[in-house]
Amino acid sequence: MASLRLLKRLARKHGTPLFIVDHKVLRANYRQFKQYLPRVQAYYAVKANPDPAIVRTFYEEGASFDVASMPEFLIVHENIKDLPARERQAWIWDKIIYANPVKTTEALEQLDQYKPLVTYDNVEEIRKIRKHAPHAGLALRIKVPNTGSMVELSSKFGAAPGEAIDLIRAAFDAGLVVEGISFTSAASAPTSRITSRRCTWWPAFSWRPGAAATIR
């Protein structure tokens, strides 16, 4: 963490108010996350701070990215644009998810060439994605209990759990590929127990084309 002396020097040089990001702390936090949750693929939400230098730091650490707009997607893409085509495509498929619950046709058409992974939670989105981004992979966004959160995100978006299998089947019937499920964790949650309940509430879900959905 930056010393008080350094902070004062920067304030004198640049004036105040001054926003300072310590990339050593970013790296340390990410590494700590991976240390204790080694099997979890962590996605940095670019909308939290889209500064290209921050994105670059997390990219170098091996992070994945949650984007909600084409500008955010392109900030991430800047780091991989010079990779060989096959390697770049594999990276996009594995490391980026486009999770905006409201997807414009223009954004989908721009995204389609990159073959990204995008979220959906209703039949209308399946039709829209099939028409404007048929090369995209899908992740079904589901509602989870929000009890205890300061923001009731499940009231904004997410499919009801009882709709999940039908929506996954509908996507495959439309010729799209569902890679998995997603949900929004607690927003402004006062305790980690709320997030823990979300992680244990929904069982592991596996699916392959032509087969029944399996919950285990």
Protein backbone atom coordinates (compact mmCIF):
# COMPACT_ATOMS: atom_id res chain seq x y z
CA MET A 1 0.00 0.00 0.00
CA ALA A 2 1.25 3.49 -0.84
CA SER A 3 2.94 5.32 2.02
CA LEU A 4 1.59 8.57 3.43
CA ARG A 5 4.70 10.34 2.16
CA LEU A 6 4.03 9.12 -1.39
CA LEU A 7 0.38 10.12 -1.19
CA LYS A 8 1.31 13.64 -0.10
CA ARG A 9 3.86 13.93 -2.90
CA LEU A 10 1.28 12.86 -5.47
CA ALA A 11 -1.26 15.31 -4.06
CA ARG A 12 1.22 18.16 -4.34
CA LYS A 13 2.05 17.17 -7.90
CA HIS A 14 -1.47 16.55 -9.22
CA GLY A 15 -3.68 18.48 -6.84
CA THR A 16 -6.75 17.20 -5.02
CA PRO A 17 -9.14 15.49 -5.05
CA LEU A 18 -6.98 12.68 -6.41
CA PHE A 19 -7.95 9.08 -7.09
CA ILE A 20 -5.03 6.67 -6.66
CA VAL A 21 -5.03 2.98 -7.55
CA ASP A 22 -2.27 0.79 -6.14
CA HIS A 23 -1.79 -2.05 -8.60
CA LYS A 24 0.21 -4.02 -6.05
CA VAL A 25 -2.94 -4.16 -3.95
CA LEU A 26 -5.00 -5.24 -6.98
CA ARG A 27 -2.56 -8.07 -7.63
CA ALA A 28 -2.46 -9.08 -3.97
CA ASN A 29 -6.26 -9.14 -3.70
CA TYR A 30 -6.64 -11.22 -6.84
CA ARG A 31 -3.96 -13.68 -5.74
CA GLN A 32 -5.57 -14.01 -2.33
CA PHE A 33 -8.91 -14.75 -3.97
CA LYS A 34 -7.32 -17.47 -6.10
CA GLN A 35 -5.43 -18.84 -3.12
CA TYR A 36 -8.59 -19.52 -1.15
CA LEU A 37 -10.89 -20.26 -4.10
CA PRO A 38 -8.54 -21.97 -6.58
CA ARG A 39 -11.34 -23.69 -8.52
CA VAL A 40 -13.34 -20.48 -9.03
CA GLN A 41 -12.87 -18.52 -12.25
CA ALA A 42 -13.02 -14.90 -11.12
CA TYR A 43 -14.57 -12.36 -13.50
CA TYR A 44 -13.67 -8.70 -12.97
CA ALA A 45 -16.69 -6.48 -13.64
CA VAL A 46 -15.20 -3.87 -15.95
CA LYS A 47 -17.99 -1.41 -15.18
CA ALA A 48 -16.60 -1.16 -11.62
CA ASN A 49 -13.61 0.70 -13.06
CA PRO A 50 -12.93 0.49 -16.82
CA ASP A 51 -9.48 2.07 -16.64
CA PRO A 52 -7.40 0.17 -19.24
CA ALA A 53 -4.44 -0.03 -16.85
CA ILE A 54 -6.56 -1.83 -14.25
CA VAL A 55 -7.93 -4.19 -16.87
CA ARG A 56 -4.38 -4.85 -18.05
CA THR A 57 -3.24 -5.70 -14.54
CA PHE A 58 -6.02 -8.23 -14.04
CA TYR A 59 -5.41 -9.62 -17.52
CA GLU A 60 -1.76 -10.22 -16.66
CA GLU A 61 -2.89 -11.97 -13.47
CA GLY A 62 -5.06 -14.36 -15.48
CA ALA A 63 -8.46 -12.93 -14.57
CA SER A 64 -11.65 -13.25 -16.59
CA PHE A 65 -13.94 -10.32 -17.37
CA ASP A 66 -17.61 -9.40 -17.05
CA VAL A 67 -18.53 -6.70 -19.59
CA ALA A 68 -21.80 -4.85 -20.13
CA SER A 69 -21.13 -2.79 -23.26
CA MET A 70 -19.09 -2.83 -26.45
CA PRO A 71 -16.67 -0.17 -25.14
CA GLU A 72 -15.98 -2.38 -22.12
CA PHE A 73 -15.55 -5.42 -24.34
CA LEU A 74 -13.08 -3.58 -26.55
CA ILE A 75 -11.03 -2.42 -23.55
CA VAL A 76 -10.51 -6.07 -22.67
CA HIS A 77 -10.05 -7.11 -26.30
CA GLU A 78 -7.19 -4.62 -26.68
CA ASN A 79 -5.06 -6.98 -24.59
CA ILE A 80 -5.58 -9.97 -26.87
CA LYS A 81 -5.96 -8.41 -30.31
CA ASP A 82 -2.49 -9.59 -31.41
CA LEU A 83 -2.95 -13.22 -30.37
CA PRO A 84 -3.27 -15.81 -33.16
CA ALA A 85 -6.87 -16.04 -34.30
CA ARG A 86 -7.61 -19.47 -32.81
CA GLU A 87 -5.97 -18.64 -29.49
CA ARG A 88 -7.76 -15.28 -29.34
CA GLN A 89 -11.14 -16.89 -29.97
CA ALA A 90 -10.55 -19.55 -27.32
CA TRP A 91 -9.61 -16.81 -24.86
CA ILE A 92 -12.78 -14.82 -25.57
CA TRP A 93 -14.99 -17.89 -25.17
CA ASP A 94 -13.35 -18.83 -21.88
CA LYS A 95 -12.59 -15.44 -20.34
CA ILE A 96 -15.29 -12.90 -21.25
CA ILE A 97 -18.99 -12.87 -20.45
CA TYR A 98 -21.34 -10.17 -21.75
CA ALA A 99 -23.78 -9.85 -18.89
CA ASN A 100 -25.87 -6.78 -19.59
CA PRO A 101 -29.53 -7.75 -18.99
CA VAL A 102 -30.59 -5.30 -21.73
CA LYS A 103 -28.88 -6.06 -25.03
CA THR A 104 -29.45 -3.76 -27.99
CA THR A 105 -29.54 -5.27 -31.45
CA GLU A 106 -26.62 -3.02 -32.42
CA ALA A 107 -24.46 -4.35 -29.57
CA LEU A 108 -25.31 -7.96 -30.39
CA GLU A 109 -24.47 -7.46 -34.07
CA GLN A 110 -21.11 -5.95 -33.11
CA LEU A 111 -20.42 -8.75 -30.64
CA ASP A 112 -21.30 -11.59 -32.98
CA GLN A 113 -17.98 -11.51 -34.87
CA TYR A 114 -16.18 -12.19 -31.58
CA LYS A 115 -18.33 -15.21 -30.68
CA PRO A 116 -18.71 -14.24 -27.01
CA LEU A 117 -20.61 -15.75 -24.11
CA VAL A 118 -23.76 -13.76 -23.22
CA THR A 119 -26.43 -14.06 -20.55
CA TYR A 120 -30.16 -14.45 -21.19
CA ASP A 121 -33.25 -15.02 -19.06
CA ASN A 122 -36.27 -15.22 -21.38
CA VAL A 123 -37.51 -16.54 -24.71
CA GLU A 124 -37.50 -13.13 -26.38
CA GLU A 125 -33.77 -12.83 -25.73
CA ILE A 126 -33.23 -16.22 -27.35
CA ARG A 127 -34.96 -14.92 -30.49
CA LYS A 128 -32.97 -11.69 -30.43
CA ILE A 129 -29.62 -13.44 -29.93
CA ARG A 130 -30.38 -16.02 -32.60
CA LYS A 131 -31.14 -13.23 -35.09
CA HIS A 132 -28.37 -10.76 -34.23
CA ALA A 133 -25.60 -12.85 -32.59
CA PRO A 134 -26.05 -16.46 -33.68
CA HIS A 135 -22.40 -17.29 -32.96
CA ALA A 136 -22.65 -16.35 -29.29
CA GLY A 137 -22.69 -18.89 -26.50
CA LEU A 138 -25.29 -18.53 -23.74
CA ALA A 139 -25.41 -18.53 -19.96
CA LEU A 140 -28.86 -18.64 -18.37
CA ARG A 141 -29.30 -15.97 -15.71
CA ILE A 142 -31.54 -17.21 -12.89
CA LYS A 143 -33.15 -15.55 -9.90
CA VAL A 144 -31.83 -16.41 -6.45
CA PRO A 145 -33.08 -15.43 -2.98
CA ASN A 146 -32.19 -11.82 -2.17
CA THR A 147 -33.23 -11.78 1.48
CA GLY A 148 -30.93 -9.49 3.41
CA SER A 149 -29.58 -7.55 0.45
CA MET A 150 -29.93 -3.79 0.30
CA VAL A 151 -30.80 -4.05 -3.42
CA GLU A 152 -33.38 -6.58 -4.61
CA LEU A 153 -31.72 -7.53 -7.89
CA SER A 154 -33.98 -10.52 -8.48
CA SER A 155 -36.84 -8.07 -9.03
CA LYS A 156 -34.99 -6.65 -12.05
CA PHE A 157 -33.87 -9.69 -13.99
CA GLY A 158 -33.34 -13.42 -13.94
CA ALA A 159 -35.48 -16.40 -14.88
CA ALA A 160 -37.43 -18.26 -12.23
CA PRO A 161 -35.75 -21.58 -11.33
CA GLY A 162 -38.79 -23.48 -12.56
CA GLU A 163 -38.29 -21.98 -16.02
CA ALA A 164 -34.63 -22.98 -16.31
CA ILE A 165 -34.91 -26.31 -18.10
CA ASP A 166 -37.50 -25.01 -20.59
CA LEU A 167 -35.33 -21.97 -21.38
CA ILE A 168 -32.23 -24.09 -21.86
CA ARG A 169 -34.13 -26.46 -24.12
CA ALA A 170 -35.57 -23.52 -26.08
CA ALA A 171 -32.07 -22.13 -26.67
CA PHE A 172 -30.78 -25.46 -27.98
CA ASP A 173 -33.89 -25.86 -30.15
CA ALA A 174 -33.03 -22.45 -31.63
CA GLY A 175 -29.58 -23.74 -32.58
CA LEU A 176 -27.72 -21.93 -29.81
CA VAL A 177 -25.33 -23.40 -27.26
CA VAL A 178 -25.92 -23.01 -23.52
CA GLU A 179 -22.65 -23.16 -21.63
CA GLY A 180 -24.01 -22.84 -18.10
CA ILE A 181 -25.99 -20.75 -15.64
CA SER A 182 -25.31 -17.44 -13.92
CA PHE A 183 -26.79 -15.44 -11.09
CA THR A 184 -26.14 -12.09 -9.49
CA SER A 185 -24.75 -12.33 -5.98
CA ALA A 186 -25.82 -10.10 -3.13
CA ALA A 187 -25.75 -6.37 -3.84
CA SER A 188 -24.57 -4.31 -0.86
CA ALA A 189 -24.95 -7.35 1.35
CA PRO A 190 -24.18 -6.72 5.03
CA THR A 191 -22.85 -10.24 5.52
CA SER A 192 -21.08 -12.90 3.49
CA ARG A 193 -23.72 -15.41 4.59
CA ILE A 194 -26.10 -13.93 2.04
CA THR A 195 -23.71 -14.71 -0.81
CA SER A 196 -23.06 -18.14 0.70
CA ARG A 197 -26.78 -18.92 0.62
CA ARG A 198 -26.88 -18.05 -3.07
CA CYS A 199 -23.96 -20.37 -3.82
CA THR A 200 -25.51 -23.34 -2.00
CA TRP A 201 -29.13 -22.73 -3.00
CA TRP A 202 -28.67 -23.63 -6.67
CA PRO A 203 -27.26 -27.15 -7.30
CA ALA A 204 -24.66 -27.94 -9.94
CA PHE A 205 -26.29 -27.95 -13.36
CA SER A 206 -25.01 -29.83 -16.38
CA TRP A 207 -26.47 -30.06 -19.87
CA ARG A 208 -25.49 -31.35 -23.25
CA PRO A 209 -27.41 -31.09 -26.54
CA GLY A 210 -29.91 -33.88 -27.05
CA ALA A 211 -29.85 -34.96 -23.41
CA ALA A 212 -32.01 -34.29 -20.41
CA ALA A 213 -30.90 -31.60 -18.03
CA THR A 214 -29.07 -33.09 -15.06
CA ILE A 215 -29.18 -31.59 -11.60
CA ARG A 216 -26.75 -33.08 -9.12
